[in-house]
Each structure stands twice: as structure tokens, then as C-alpha cells.
């Protein structure tokens, strides 16, 4: 069955977005040598479950603030959701949805990066509820 194999982050200010994700998650960014501004993102070692992605300059003009999200929300597995939620704002982002339990699964929160993109963070905890 088809699986998600890559994600993309769109940014008005790619340098600011790179700094946000490096500070929050420690992700590694490598500028692509192709014909457009694009950064490859390594989120962890290939020996662990997960996917890598890319970051590109947002196309179009105007603010996305106040508009409905027209994309998939990617969720990042974290070991300590409270520290990660605090890290979101410390890195210049905002909380879009406060920490909430997903019974039997874990704790989920949505953050907003410096570019207005929404992403999820999840701490696995079967006792959440």
C-alpha cells in the first residue's frame, strides 16, 4: 500500500525556517544544487523509522494567516511533549492546539512554525487519557 515517503515545508523566509527546525528538533539541512531554492532535510538516521523531507521558498504572495490549512499536517514523534511545546515558542513559533490526550496512544499538540505552517508533535504514552 502507498506510504508517505517525503514531506515539504514551505517558507516565506527559508533561513528563518531552517533555524527554527534546527533549534527545535536538531534536523540537518543541506541546500540543493538544483535550479531552485530547495533544502533537503534529514530528520534522523536511516536505521530508525521516519521520513526525511525538504524545505522550499513559498510560492505566491500575501499572508496565509487566517486561511484554512490546505495541506497534510505532519506529526513529529518526540520524547517529552511538555519540553517540546515550550521549545516551539522558545524557537519563535506558536502553539496552534494545546497538548491534549489521544487515549491509549499518547499526547498531541500542534505548533505553528515561524512561517505560519502547522505541524504536530506526539509523545507516545499508552496511559494518556
Protein backbone atom coordinates (compact mmCIF):
# COMPACT_ATOMS: atom_id res chain seq x y z
CA UNK A 1 0.00 0.00 0.00
CA UNK A 2 1.31 3.52 -0.75
CA UNK A 3 3.06 5.28 2.19
CA UNK A 4 4.16 8.83 2.83
CA UNK A 5 7.81 8.97 1.77
CA UNK A 6 8.67 12.69 1.90
CA UNK A 7 7.34 15.93 3.34
CA UNK A 8 7.82 19.53 2.33
CA UNK A 9 7.83 22.74 4.34
CA UNK A 10 7.01 25.98 2.51
CA UNK A 11 8.60 29.13 3.93
CA UNK A 12 8.44 32.85 3.25
CA UNK A 13 11.90 33.11 4.84
CA UNK A 14 13.77 29.80 4.37
CA UNK A 15 16.73 30.82 6.57
CA UNK A 16 14.38 31.62 9.45
CA UNK A 17 12.53 28.30 8.99
CA UNK A 18 15.80 26.34 8.87
CA UNK A 19 16.90 27.98 12.14
CA UNK A 20 13.54 27.16 13.78
CA UNK A 21 13.62 23.44 12.94
CA UNK A 22 17.32 23.10 13.72
CA UNK A 23 16.76 24.65 17.15
CA UNK A 24 13.56 22.72 17.92
CA UNK A 25 14.34 19.23 16.59
CA UNK A 26 18.04 19.28 15.63
CA UNK A 27 17.22 18.47 12.00
CA UNK A 28 20.01 18.75 9.42
CA UNK A 29 19.55 20.89 6.29
CA UNK A 30 21.53 20.68 3.05
CA UNK A 31 20.99 23.25 0.29
CA UNK A 32 20.20 21.52 -3.01
CA UNK A 33 22.35 22.41 -6.03
CA UNK A 34 19.38 22.31 -8.42
CA UNK A 35 17.68 25.09 -10.37
CA UNK A 36 15.50 26.30 -7.47
CA UNK A 37 15.97 27.25 -3.82
CA UNK A 38 15.46 23.95 -2.01
CA UNK A 39 16.90 22.37 1.11
CA UNK A 40 16.95 18.64 1.83
CA UNK A 41 16.02 17.79 5.43
CA UNK A 42 17.43 14.81 7.34
CA UNK A 43 15.28 14.13 10.41
CA UNK A 44 17.24 11.17 11.79
CA UNK A 45 19.27 8.08 10.94
CA UNK A 46 18.04 5.71 8.23
CA UNK A 47 18.07 2.90 10.82
CA UNK A 48 15.12 4.49 12.67
CA UNK A 49 11.50 4.73 11.43
CA UNK A 50 10.58 8.05 9.88
CA UNK A 51 10.91 10.08 6.72
CA UNK A 52 13.09 12.91 5.50
CA UNK A 53 11.83 15.95 3.67
CA UNK A 54 12.53 19.24 2.01
CA UNK A 55 12.07 22.95 2.51
CA UNK A 56 11.36 25.46 -0.23
CA UNK A 57 10.52 29.12 -0.62
CA UNK A 58 6.75 29.61 -0.53
CA UNK A 59 5.29 30.46 -3.95
CA UNK A 60 2.59 33.06 -4.29
CA UNK A 61 2.10 36.26 -2.41
CA UNK A 62 0.26 37.53 0.59
CA UNK A 63 -0.25 36.18 4.06
CA UNK A 64 -1.61 32.71 4.75
CA UNK A 65 -2.73 33.80 8.22
CA UNK A 66 -6.44 33.28 8.77
CA UNK A 67 -6.85 30.93 5.83
CA UNK A 68 -7.80 27.28 6.17
CA UNK A 69 -4.94 24.80 6.16
CA UNK A 70 -4.87 23.19 2.74
CA UNK A 71 -2.26 20.54 3.39
CA UNK A 72 -1.42 17.49 5.43
CA UNK A 73 -0.29 18.08 8.98
CA UNK A 74 2.92 16.15 9.60
CA UNK A 75 3.43 14.99 13.17
CA UNK A 76 6.87 14.55 14.75
CA UNK A 77 7.44 11.87 17.40
CA UNK A 78 9.05 13.47 20.49
CA UNK A 79 10.23 12.03 23.80
CA UNK A 80 8.98 14.90 26.02
CA UNK A 81 5.96 16.83 24.77
CA UNK A 82 5.98 19.47 27.53
CA UNK A 83 9.59 20.40 26.77
CA UNK A 84 8.86 20.38 23.03
CA UNK A 85 5.80 22.63 23.43
CA UNK A 86 7.96 25.05 25.42
CA UNK A 87 10.64 24.74 22.72
CA UNK A 88 8.19 25.73 19.99
CA UNK A 89 7.66 29.17 21.46
CA UNK A 90 11.32 29.49 22.51
CA UNK A 91 12.34 28.90 18.88
CA UNK A 92 9.99 31.66 17.67
CA UNK A 93 6.89 29.61 16.88
CA UNK A 94 3.43 29.50 18.46
CA UNK A 95 1.03 26.90 19.83
CA UNK A 96 -1.88 26.25 17.46
CA UNK A 97 -3.51 23.47 19.53
CA UNK A 98 -2.51 22.89 23.16
CA UNK A 99 -1.39 19.48 24.43
CA UNK A 100 -4.25 17.01 24.55
CA UNK A 101 -4.52 13.29 25.23
CA UNK A 102 -5.20 10.77 22.49
CA UNK A 103 -6.49 7.91 24.68
CA UNK A 104 -4.34 4.81 24.51
CA UNK A 105 -1.89 6.47 22.10
CA UNK A 106 -0.19 9.49 23.66
CA UNK A 107 -0.13 13.27 23.90
CA UNK A 108 -0.59 15.52 20.87
CA UNK A 109 -0.10 19.25 20.32
CA UNK A 110 0.00 21.39 17.18
CA UNK A 111 2.60 24.09 16.73
CA UNK A 112 2.97 26.84 14.20
CA UNK A 113 6.45 27.48 12.83
CA UNK A 114 7.93 30.89 12.03
CA UNK A 115 6.36 30.69 8.56
CA UNK A 116 2.79 30.01 9.76
CA UNK A 117 2.88 26.28 8.91
CA UNK A 118 1.08 23.97 11.33
CA UNK A 119 2.80 20.77 12.47
CA UNK A 120 2.05 18.17 15.12
CA UNK A 121 4.19 16.79 17.95
CA UNK A 122 3.33 13.49 19.63
CA UNK A 123 4.70 11.83 22.76
CA UNK A 124 3.75 8.18 22.74
CA UNK A 125 2.12 7.22 26.06
CA UNK A 126 -0.46 4.39 26.11
CA UNK A 127 -1.67 5.61 29.53
CA UNK A 128 -2.72 9.03 28.14
CA UNK A 129 -6.37 9.70 28.52
